[in-house]
Amino acid sequence: MTDPGTPRHVEIKDGNETVAAAEVTTSHEPGGTAQASLHAAPGHIAPGSRASLVDAVMDLPEVQASEHLQATVPLGDAESLERLRERTENMTTRPAGSTALLDANIPADGEPGSGRESGETSSP
């Protein structure tokens, strides 16, 4: 039987309320696959909360040590999908019921594949 990996729970809060959460499982072997399931609270939540959840997941040391990411994201969660696109490389998505399944490579050294380079800022 194979080891399912180490589970982690990540939350983003607005005050005392959890507005977004993820379940993350990674392999014990470096360079393996990280799996994440991202969810947001129903209704309106503050802009940026979903992107903050993606950042929290991608910044976990065990995710950084992985080479590949498989994730489920609710269909229509454009903020999470866009941030995942910025933080990964060669991302593909496909619908599966009420979710989008995502496969992507995690860049070495945590550098975003298509996002802004460190120190670069956007102008208004």
Protein backbone atom coordinates (compact mmCIF):
# COMPACT_ATOMS: atom_id res chain seq x y z
CA MET A 1 0.00 0.00 0.00
CA THR A 2 1.35 3.45 -0.88
CA ASP A 3 1.68 6.27 1.61
CA PRO A 4 -1.04 8.87 0.95
CA GLY A 5 1.22 11.72 2.05
CA THR A 6 0.99 14.36 4.73
CA PRO A 7 -2.32 16.25 4.98
CA ARG A 8 -2.42 19.99 5.81
CA HIS A 9 -5.37 22.32 6.36
CA VAL A 10 -4.96 25.99 5.37
CA GLU A 11 -7.47 28.75 6.17
CA ILE A 12 -7.88 32.41 5.26
CA LYS A 13 -9.90 34.39 7.80
CA ASP A 14 -11.74 37.70 7.71
CA GLY A 15 -11.90 38.60 11.39
CA ASN A 16 -13.05 35.41 13.13
CA GLU A 17 -14.75 33.98 10.05
CA THR A 18 -13.05 31.48 7.73
CA VAL A 19 -13.65 32.75 4.19
CA ALA A 20 -11.47 30.31 2.24
CA ALA A 21 -9.83 26.99 3.05
CA ALA A 22 -7.79 24.26 1.42
CA GLU A 23 -6.88 20.67 2.12
CA VAL A 24 -3.36 19.92 0.90
CA THR A 25 -1.63 16.56 0.67
CA THR A 26 1.97 16.12 -0.40
CA SER A 27 4.20 13.16 -0.97
CA HIS A 28 6.96 12.44 1.53
CA GLU A 29 9.33 12.21 -1.43
CA PRO A 30 10.88 15.46 -2.70
CA GLY A 31 9.83 16.29 -6.24
CA GLY A 32 6.51 14.48 -5.95
CA THR A 33 2.98 15.69 -6.54
CA ALA A 34 1.07 18.04 -4.25
CA GLN A 35 -2.72 17.72 -4.24
CA ALA A 36 -4.99 20.54 -3.10
CA SER A 37 -8.71 21.09 -2.79
CA LEU A 38 -9.62 24.78 -2.53
CA HIS A 39 -12.98 26.13 -1.33
CA ALA A 40 -14.41 29.53 -0.46
CA ALA A 41 -17.31 30.41 1.81
CA PRO A 42 -20.63 30.82 0.00
CA GLY A 43 -21.71 34.35 -0.85
CA HIS A 44 -19.57 37.44 -1.26
CA ILE A 45 -16.09 37.43 0.26
CA ALA A 46 -13.48 40.16 0.14
CA PRO A 47 -11.59 40.40 -3.14
CA GLY A 48 -8.15 38.88 -2.81
CA SER A 49 -9.18 36.22 -0.27
CA ARG A 50 -9.09 33.43 -2.84
CA ALA A 51 -5.73 34.62 -4.21
CA SER A 52 -4.39 34.73 -0.64
CA LEU A 53 -5.46 31.11 -0.19
CA VAL A 54 -3.58 30.10 -3.35
CA ASP A 55 -0.49 31.95 -2.09
CA ALA A 56 -0.73 30.25 1.32
CA VAL A 57 -0.94 26.83 -0.34
CA MET A 58 1.85 27.49 -2.83
CA ASP A 59 4.12 28.89 -0.09
CA LEU A 60 3.93 25.74 2.07
CA PRO A 61 7.47 24.27 2.21
CA GLU A 62 6.21 20.81 1.27
CA VAL A 63 4.41 22.21 -1.79
CA GLN A 64 7.56 24.12 -2.78
CA ALA A 65 9.47 20.82 -2.55
CA SER A 66 7.02 19.23 -5.01
CA GLU A 67 7.36 19.38 -8.78
CA HIS A 68 3.72 18.92 -9.76
CA LEU A 69 0.35 20.22 -8.52
CA GLN A 70 -3.08 18.64 -8.91
CA ALA A 71 -5.89 20.80 -7.57
CA THR A 72 -9.67 21.06 -7.49
CA VAL A 73 -11.23 24.51 -7.60
CA PRO A 74 -14.95 25.38 -7.76
CA LEU A 75 -16.07 26.15 -11.30
CA GLY A 76 -16.33 29.90 -11.76
CA ASP A 77 -13.61 30.72 -9.20
CA ALA A 78 -11.69 32.89 -11.63
CA GLU A 79 -9.61 34.57 -8.90
CA SER A 80 -8.12 31.27 -7.69
CA LEU A 81 -7.55 29.98 -11.22
CA GLU A 82 -5.82 33.19 -12.30
CA ARG A 83 -3.54 33.18 -9.25
CA LEU A 84 -2.72 29.49 -9.81
CA ARG A 85 -1.86 30.34 -13.43
CA GLU A 86 0.53 33.05 -12.14
CA ARG A 87 2.18 30.72 -9.60
CA THR A 88 2.56 27.59 -11.79
CA GLU A 89 3.78 26.55 -15.22
CA ASN A 90 2.10 24.55 -18.00
CA MET A 91 -1.28 24.66 -16.26
CA THR A 92 -4.20 22.77 -17.77
CA THR A 93 -7.76 22.67 -16.48
CA ARG A 94 -10.82 20.60 -17.25
CA PRO A 95 -14.34 20.65 -15.83
CA ALA A 96 -15.51 17.80 -13.59
CA GLY A 97 -18.99 18.28 -12.18
CA SER A 98 -19.07 21.47 -10.12
CA THR A 99 -15.27 21.77 -10.01
CA ALA A 100 -12.34 22.42 -12.28
CA LEU A 101 -9.47 19.94 -12.13
CA LEU A 102 -6.07 21.51 -12.52
CA ASP A 103 -2.72 19.97 -13.41
CA ALA A 104 0.41 22.12 -13.37
CA ASN A 105 4.13 22.15 -12.77
CA ILE A 106 5.52 23.99 -9.75
CA PRO A 107 8.43 26.23 -10.77
CA ALA A 108 11.79 25.57 -9.16
CA ASP A 109 12.72 27.99 -6.37
CA GLY A 110 9.10 29.16 -6.12
CA GLU A 111 9.46 31.63 -8.98
CA PRO A 112 6.13 32.15 -10.73
CA GLY A 113 6.05 30.86 -14.28
CA SER A 114 4.12 33.74 -15.81
CA GLY A 115 3.69 36.13 -12.90
CA ARG A 116 5.66 39.25 -12.10
CA GLU A 117 9.31 38.77 -11.30
CA SER A 118 10.32 39.65 -7.76
CA GLY A 119 10.79 43.37 -7.27
CA GLU A 120 8.59 44.22 -10.26
CA THR A 121 5.55 46.35 -9.57
CA SER A 122 2.55 47.24 -11.64
CA SER A 123 1.72 50.84 -12.40
CA PRO A 124 -1.82 52.20 -12.01
